[in-house]
Protein backbone atom coordinates (compact mmCIF):
# COMPACT_ATOMS: atom_id res chain seq x y z
CA MET A 1 -15.00 14.19 -42.35
CA ARG A 2 -18.04 11.64 -41.74
CA ASN A 3 -14.91 9.06 -40.92
CA ILE A 4 -13.42 11.45 -38.44
CA LEU A 5 -15.74 12.06 -36.45
CA ILE A 6 -16.93 8.81 -36.07
CA LEU A 7 -12.92 7.54 -35.04
CA ILE A 8 -13.13 10.86 -32.95
CA CYS A 9 -15.92 9.72 -31.00
CA LEU A 10 -14.32 6.10 -30.95
CA LEU A 11 -11.07 7.05 -29.22
CA ALA A 12 -13.24 9.24 -26.66
CA LEU A 13 -15.25 6.17 -25.73
CA THR A 14 -12.26 4.36 -25.51
CA SER A 15 -10.37 7.03 -23.10
CA ASN A 16 -12.99 7.26 -21.20
CA SER A 17 -13.39 3.30 -20.35
CA PHE A 18 -9.80 3.23 -20.24
CA GLY A 19 -9.37 5.77 -17.88
CA GLN A 20 -11.84 5.06 -15.06
CA LYS A 21 -10.17 1.87 -14.52
CA LEU A 22 -7.68 0.75 -11.66
CA TYR A 23 -5.19 -1.72 -11.71
CA VAL A 24 -3.96 -3.81 -9.09
CA TRP A 25 -1.54 -7.06 -9.30
CA CYS A 26 0.52 -8.75 -6.62
CA PRO A 27 3.38 -7.10 -5.73
CA ASN A 28 6.85 -8.34 -6.52
CA GLU A 29 8.91 -10.59 -4.01
CA GLN A 30 10.90 -7.78 -1.69
CA LEU A 31 13.55 -8.36 0.20
CA THR A 32 14.44 -6.21 3.63
CA THR A 33 18.04 -6.06 5.10
CA PRO A 34 17.15 -9.07 8.88
CA ARG A 35 17.65 -6.44 11.97
CA GLN A 36 19.26 -10.11 13.62
CA GLY A 37 18.65 -8.79 17.41
CA PHE A 38 16.30 -6.17 17.53
CA LEU A 39 13.16 -7.26 19.63
CA GLN A 40 14.97 -10.51 20.45
CA ASN A 41 12.11 -13.02 21.67
CA ASP A 42 9.72 -9.60 22.02
CA THR A 43 6.67 -10.51 21.13
CA ILE A 44 4.64 -8.68 18.31
CA ASP A 45 1.14 -8.79 17.43
CA LEU A 46 0.86 -7.96 13.37
CA VAL A 47 -2.87 -7.01 11.84
CA ILE A 48 -3.15 -5.78 8.58
CA PHE A 49 -5.88 -4.14 7.52
CA ASP A 50 -7.52 -3.22 4.14
CA SER A 51 -9.48 -0.74 3.90
CA ARG A 52 -8.99 0.35 -0.23
CA VAL A 53 -12.00 1.26 -2.71
CA PHE A 54 -12.22 0.24 -5.97
CA THR A 55 -14.05 1.43 -9.23
CA ALA A 56 -16.81 -0.91 -10.90
CA LYS A 57 -14.70 -1.03 -13.46
CA SER A 58 -11.59 -2.35 -11.60
CA LYS A 59 -9.46 -4.49 -12.77
CA VAL A 60 -7.76 -6.57 -9.49
CA GLU A 61 -6.01 -9.40 -10.19
CA CYS A 62 -4.39 -9.90 -6.74
CA THR A 63 -7.03 -10.51 -3.65
CA SER A 64 -7.26 -8.52 -0.56
CA GLU A 65 -5.99 -11.80 0.60
CA ASN A 66 -2.62 -11.80 -1.07
CA THR A 67 -2.05 -8.68 -1.04
CA ILE A 68 -1.71 -8.93 3.09
CA TYR A 69 0.14 -12.27 3.12
CA GLU A 70 2.55 -10.39 1.16
CA LEU A 71 2.81 -7.58 3.57
CA GLN A 72 2.57 -10.41 6.93
CA LYS A 73 5.97 -12.08 4.87
CA ILE A 74 8.05 -8.65 4.73
CA PHE A 75 6.99 -8.26 8.39
CA LYS A 76 8.30 -12.04 9.44
CA GLN A 77 11.96 -11.62 7.07
CA THR A 78 12.66 -8.06 9.35
CA TYR A 79 12.12 -9.54 11.99
CA PRO A 80 13.26 -12.60 12.81
CA SER A 81 14.09 -12.86 16.50
CA ALA A 82 10.91 -11.65 17.55
CA VAL A 83 8.11 -13.57 18.06
CA ILE A 84 5.35 -12.21 15.72
CA ASN A 85 1.59 -13.20 15.93
CA ILE A 86 -0.47 -13.66 12.51
CA LEU A 87 -3.74 -11.86 13.95
CA SER A 88 -6.91 -11.67 11.80
CA THR A 89 -8.14 -8.60 9.90
CA SER A 90 -11.27 -8.59 12.35
CA ASP A 91 -8.88 -8.11 15.25
CA TYR A 92 -7.96 -4.88 14.13
CA TYR A 93 -10.05 -2.15 16.14
CA LYS A 94 -10.07 -4.73 19.29
CA ASP A 95 -7.29 -2.72 21.88
CA PRO A 96 -4.22 -4.31 21.83
CA LYS A 97 -3.06 -6.68 24.43
CA PRO A 98 -0.57 -5.86 27.17
CA ASN A 99 3.08 -6.82 27.61
CA ARG A 100 3.98 -6.54 24.02
CA ILE A 101 4.25 -4.55 20.96
CA THR A 102 0.87 -4.07 18.19
CA PHE A 103 1.46 -3.53 14.82
CA LYS A 104 -1.75 -2.04 12.87
CA ILE A 105 -1.30 -1.73 9.38
CA ASN A 106 -3.91 -0.47 7.25
CA ILE A 107 -3.62 -0.56 3.61
CA SER A 108 -5.32 2.32 1.84
CA ALA A 109 -4.31 2.69 -0.85
CA TYR A 110 -2.06 0.10 -3.54
CA TYR A 111 -3.14 0.43 -6.97
CA VAL A 112 -2.47 1.97 -9.75
CA ALA A 113 -4.57 3.54 -13.22
CA LEU A 114 -3.31 5.38 -16.60
CA GLY A 115 -3.41 9.40 -16.67
CA SER A 116 -4.57 11.49 -13.71
CA ASP A 117 -7.57 9.63 -13.20
CA ILE A 118 -6.05 8.23 -10.00
CA LYS A 119 -6.97 11.35 -8.54
CA SER A 120 -10.46 10.61 -8.08
CA VAL A 121 -9.86 7.82 -6.20
CA MET A 122 -7.03 9.88 -3.65
CA GLY A 123 -10.14 11.34 -1.33
CA THR A 124 -11.14 7.69 -0.25
CA PHE A 125 -8.68 7.27 2.26
CA GLY A 126 -8.78 10.91 3.75
CA GLY A 127 -5.18 11.89 2.96
CA GLU A 128 -4.66 15.23 2.05
CA TYR A 129 -2.53 14.98 -0.70
CA SER A 130 -1.08 17.36 -3.58
CA TYR A 131 -2.43 16.94 -6.58
CA GLY A 132 0.30 18.18 -8.08
CA MET A 133 2.60 15.50 -7.81
CA ILE A 134 0.14 13.18 -10.08
CA VAL A 135 1.64 13.43 -14.03
CA ASP A 136 -0.72 13.23 -16.68
CA GLU A 137 -0.75 11.06 -19.79
CA THR A 138 1.84 7.75 -17.57
CA TRP A 139 0.94 5.31 -15.60
CA ASN A 140 0.88 6.63 -12.19
CA ALA A 141 0.62 4.20 -9.07
CA ILE A 142 -0.02 4.75 -5.10
CA THR A 143 0.77 2.90 -1.83
CA ALA A 144 -0.85 3.93 1.36
CA TYR A 145 -0.67 2.28 4.60
CA THR A 146 -1.72 4.18 8.00
CA VAL A 147 0.96 2.99 10.54
CA LYS A 148 -0.06 2.57 14.56
CA ILE A 149 2.36 1.05 16.81
CA TYR A 150 1.04 0.28 20.36
CA ASP A 151 4.49 -0.58 22.39
CA TYR A 152 3.23 -2.00 25.94
CA ARG A 153 6.20 -3.28 26.97
CA ASN A 154 7.40 -2.59 30.65
CA ASN A 155 3.64 -2.03 31.75
CA LEU A 156 3.92 0.96 29.79
CA GLU A 157 1.19 2.43 26.73
CA ILE A 158 3.16 4.04 23.80
CA LYS A 159 1.52 4.66 20.81
CA THR A 160 2.91 5.94 17.58
CA THR A 161 0.95 6.83 14.30
CA LYS A 162 1.91 7.63 10.94
CA ASP A 163 0.47 8.63 7.40
CA ILE A 164 2.78 6.85 4.41
CA PHE A 165 1.92 7.77 0.76
CA LYS A 166 4.27 6.85 -1.82
CA ILE A 167 3.41 8.05 -5.41
CA SER A 168 5.32 6.37 -8.84
CA SER A 169 5.01 7.47 -12.31
CA LYS A 170 6.08 5.64 -15.61
CA SER A 171 5.80 6.48 -19.17
CA ASN A 172 3.28 3.70 -20.96
CA PHE A 173 5.15 3.23 -23.65
CA TRP A 174 5.19 -0.67 -22.76
CA GLY A 175 1.66 -0.80 -21.32
CA LYS A 176 0.21 -3.03 -18.70
CA ILE A 177 4.45 -3.82 -17.99
CA ASP A 178 5.06 -0.42 -17.49
CA ALA A 179 2.07 -0.18 -14.71
CA LYS A 180 3.09 -3.28 -13.10
CA ASP A 181 6.61 -1.50 -12.34
CA CYS A 182 5.10 1.53 -11.24
CA LEU A 183 2.86 -0.11 -8.76
CA ASN A 184 5.54 -2.46 -7.58
CA ALA A 185 7.81 0.71 -7.22
CA SER A 186 5.40 2.34 -5.04
CA TYR A 187 5.16 -0.72 -3.21
CA ILE A 188 8.78 -0.96 -2.67
CA ASP A 189 8.93 2.13 -1.42
CA ALA A 190 6.30 2.53 0.92
CA ASN A 191 7.54 -0.70 2.63
CA LYS A 192 10.67 1.11 3.09
CA GLU A 193 9.37 3.95 4.77
CA MET A 194 7.40 2.07 7.03
CA LEU A 195 9.94 -0.22 7.81
CA LEU A 196 11.91 2.59 8.75
CA PHE A 197 9.51 4.38 10.93
CA ILE A 198 9.00 0.99 13.15
CA ASP A 199 12.74 0.82 13.45
CA ASP A 200 12.95 4.78 14.75
CA THR A 201 9.90 3.94 16.94
CA LEU A 202 11.33 0.76 18.63
CA ILE A 203 15.09 1.19 19.02
CA LYS A 204 16.11 2.02 22.11
């Protein structure tokens, strides 16, 4: 009986320690369809800001700089006909410049956790999302952006904003292999929605 109680206590401690962790790995290279001729010779200022908040026990194996760099590559690949200027993160809160397009991307979530513990970080980016989307006893990944488009071409000032939030869940059969796949799936889905939003906003 005593051995059983000790085992239960050890399992509880292990579960508590593991469940509070957020994991972050760099995404796999994502291939997108180049929008050849779209935004031809238009100047785009791109600034990406990482506002994620991690728990003390988080295991982060992809730096903020690497995460931002991977997103920058996607924009360059997707809009090859445009002139894309990569701005510093410190420019995020500065006013957009005239006679060009500005993309401001805020990375508010990009991480995975085991079980439903990821709910504890959902509030850090201010979204009102249904906890019913989170599946218990699985890996749950979230990628979330706030995308702001400033179209200041032709002496106009048009601003459009969209919050993008994608969840992916996967069984824990293969451990961290499943976790990485789950995280990458939410990342791909979020990027697809972001690019379609940009296309729909700027297409004439």
